[in-house]
Amino acid sequence: GYGSRGLTKFQYAQCLAASLAYLLNRQRDGIGLTAFDDAIVGMLPPSARPGHLRAMLVTLERLQLGAHTNCSKPMHQLATSISKRGM
């Protein structure tokens, strides 16, 4: 929730994720989203469908700030659930 000049870090991250998703979607690459704080709170599997970008933008808009962040547990859960290669 920290920020300056009317834009928080969270809002900046939302804008950055949306911008990258738009660019990747225009290249017809699959886009996905995993949001977490101390656990995974939202997950949208990768897809290159035309309507998937809208679903991702809606998911980004609905995200809420968490109280604490712990990267190790959600990253471990994510790593064990990925079956395809990708970034």
C-alpha atoms as a PDB file:
ATOM      1  CA  GLY A   1       0.000   0.000   0.000  1.00  0.00           C
ATOM      2  CA  TYR A   2       3.000   2.335   0.074  1.00  0.00           C
ATOM      3  CA  GLY A   3       3.368   4.890  -2.652  1.00  0.00           C
ATOM      4  CA  SER A   4       3.838   8.486  -3.639  1.00  0.00           C
ATOM      5  CA  ARG A   5       2.347  10.942  -6.099  1.00  0.00           C
ATOM      6  CA  GLY A   6      -1.081   9.329  -5.866  1.00  0.00           C
ATOM      7  CA  LEU A   7       0.037   5.878  -7.066  1.00  0.00           C
ATOM      8  CA  THR A   8       0.728   3.015  -4.665  1.00  0.00           C
ATOM      9  CA  LYS A   9       3.188   0.193  -5.327  1.00  0.00           C
ATOM     10  CA  PHE A  10       0.222  -2.145  -5.582  1.00  0.00           C
ATOM     11  CA  GLN A  11      -1.464  -0.014  -8.242  1.00  0.00           C
ATOM     12  CA  TYR A  12       1.843   0.282 -10.099  1.00  0.00           C
ATOM     13  CA  ALA A  13       2.210  -3.522 -10.053  1.00  0.00           C
ATOM     14  CA  GLN A  14      -1.345  -3.916 -11.367  1.00  0.00           C
ATOM     15  CA  CYS A  15      -0.611  -1.500 -14.218  1.00  0.00           C
ATOM     16  CA  LEU A  16       2.683  -3.217 -15.034  1.00  0.00           C
ATOM     17  CA  ALA A  17       1.091  -6.694 -15.045  1.00  0.00           C
ATOM     18  CA  ALA A  18      -1.755  -5.451 -17.252  1.00  0.00           C
ATOM     19  CA  SER A  19       0.701  -3.848 -19.688  1.00  0.00           C
ATOM     20  CA  LEU A  20       2.838  -6.975 -19.960  1.00  0.00           C
ATOM     21  CA  ALA A  21      -0.272  -9.139 -20.388  1.00  0.00           C
ATOM     22  CA  TYR A  22      -1.498  -6.879 -23.181  1.00  0.00           C
ATOM     23  CA  LEU A  23       1.832  -7.046 -25.023  1.00  0.00           C
ATOM     24  CA  LEU A  24       2.092 -10.826 -24.673  1.00  0.00           C
ATOM     25  CA  ASN A  25      -1.527 -11.282 -25.722  1.00  0.00           C
ATOM     26  CA  ARG A  26      -0.916  -9.184 -28.859  1.00  0.00           C
ATOM     27  CA  GLN A  27       1.928 -11.590 -29.719  1.00  0.00           C
ATOM     28  CA  ARG A  28      -0.557 -14.449 -29.267  1.00  0.00           C
ATOM     29  CA  ASP A  29       1.379 -15.822 -26.314  1.00  0.00           C
ATOM     30  CA  GLY A  30      -0.478 -17.417 -23.436  1.00  0.00           C
ATOM     31  CA  ILE A  31      -0.874 -15.244 -20.349  1.00  0.00           C
ATOM     32  CA  GLY A  32      -1.665 -16.302 -16.799  1.00  0.00           C
ATOM     33  CA  LEU A  33      -1.671 -14.810 -13.330  1.00  0.00           C
ATOM     34  CA  THR A  34      -0.895 -16.081  -9.851  1.00  0.00           C
ATOM     35  CA  ALA A  35      -1.476 -13.635  -7.006  1.00  0.00           C
ATOM     36  CA  PHE A  36      -0.280 -14.355  -3.469  1.00  0.00           C
ATOM     37  CA  ASP A  37       0.494 -12.857  -0.086  1.00  0.00           C
ATOM     38  CA  ASP A  38       1.393 -15.587   2.409  1.00  0.00           C
ATOM     39  CA  ALA A  39      -0.660 -18.058   0.324  1.00  0.00           C
ATOM     40  CA  ILE A  40      -1.986 -18.166  -3.222  1.00  0.00           C
ATOM     41  CA  VAL A  41      -5.090 -15.939  -3.266  1.00  0.00           C
ATOM     42  CA  GLY A  42      -5.872 -15.955  -6.974  1.00  0.00           C
ATOM     43  CA  MET A  43      -4.861 -17.977  -9.981  1.00  0.00           C
ATOM     44  CA  LEU A  44      -5.749 -17.660 -13.630  1.00  0.00           C
ATOM     45  CA  PRO A  45      -4.190 -20.396 -15.779  1.00  0.00           C
ATOM     46  CA  PRO A  46      -2.320 -19.382 -18.938  1.00  0.00           C
ATOM     47  CA  SER A  47      -4.280 -19.104 -22.163  1.00  0.00           C
ATOM     48  CA  ALA A  48      -3.996 -17.319 -25.502  1.00  0.00           C
ATOM     49  CA  ARG A  49      -7.756 -17.087 -26.166  1.00  0.00           C
ATOM     50  CA  PRO A  50      -8.976 -13.649 -27.272  1.00  0.00           C
ATOM     51  CA  GLY A  51     -11.229 -13.166 -24.188  1.00  0.00           C
ATOM     52  CA  HIS A  52      -8.567 -14.254 -21.714  1.00  0.00           C
ATOM     53  CA  LEU A  53      -6.967 -10.807 -21.536  1.00  0.00           C
ATOM     54  CA  ARG A  54     -10.245  -9.349 -20.294  1.00  0.00           C
ATOM     55  CA  ALA A  55     -10.501 -12.071 -17.636  1.00  0.00           C
ATOM     56  CA  MET A  56      -6.984 -11.255 -16.482  1.00  0.00           C
ATOM     57  CA  LEU A  57      -7.693  -7.530 -16.292  1.00  0.00           C
ATOM     58  CA  VAL A  58     -10.827  -8.192 -14.231  1.00  0.00           C
ATOM     59  CA  THR A  59      -8.844 -10.480 -11.912  1.00  0.00           C
ATOM     60  CA  LEU A  60      -6.151  -7.815 -11.483  1.00  0.00           C
ATOM     61  CA  GLU A  61      -8.777  -5.183 -10.723  1.00  0.00           C
ATOM     62  CA  ARG A  62     -10.406  -7.336  -8.029  1.00  0.00           C
ATOM     63  CA  LEU A  63      -7.193  -8.128  -6.139  1.00  0.00           C
ATOM     64  CA  GLN A  64      -6.918  -6.826  -2.585  1.00  0.00           C
ATOM     65  CA  LEU A  65      -3.832  -6.023  -0.542  1.00  0.00           C
ATOM     66  CA  GLY A  66      -2.758  -8.755   1.866  1.00  0.00           C
ATOM     67  CA  ALA A  67      -1.451  -8.207   5.372  1.00  0.00           C
ATOM     68  CA  HIS A  68       1.858 -10.077   5.024  1.00  0.00           C
ATOM     69  CA  THR A  69       3.924 -11.536   2.207  1.00  0.00           C
ATOM     70  CA  ASN A  70       5.776 -14.830   2.344  1.00  0.00           C
ATOM     71  CA  CYS A  71       7.199 -15.769  -1.057  1.00  0.00           C
ATOM     72  CA  SER A  72       8.591 -19.209  -0.243  1.00  0.00           C
ATOM     73  CA  LYS A  73       5.354 -21.106   0.467  1.00  0.00           C
ATOM     74  CA  PRO A  74       3.343 -19.850  -2.559  1.00  0.00           C
ATOM     75  CA  MET A  75       6.331 -20.254  -4.898  1.00  0.00           C
ATOM     76  CA  HIS A  76       6.812 -23.838  -3.736  1.00  0.00           C
ATOM     77  CA  GLN A  77       3.103 -24.576  -4.288  1.00  0.00           C
ATOM     78  CA  LEU A  78       3.274 -22.997  -7.734  1.00  0.00           C
ATOM     79  CA  ALA A  79       6.429 -24.887  -8.734  1.00  0.00           C
ATOM     80  CA  THR A  80       4.879 -28.234  -7.841  1.00  0.00           C
ATOM     81  CA  SER A  81       1.692 -27.475  -9.785  1.00  0.00           C
ATOM     82  CA  ILE A  82       3.314 -26.434 -13.085  1.00  0.00           C
ATOM     83  CA  SER A  83       3.311 -29.227 -15.626  1.00  0.00           C
ATOM     84  CA  LYS A  84       4.225 -27.294 -18.797  1.00  0.00           C
ATOM     85  CA  ARG A  85       7.299 -25.258 -19.490  1.00  0.00           C
ATOM     86  CA  GLY A  86       6.969 -21.493 -19.610  1.00  0.00           C
ATOM     87  CA  MET A  87       7.969 -18.285 -17.925  1.00  0.00           C
END
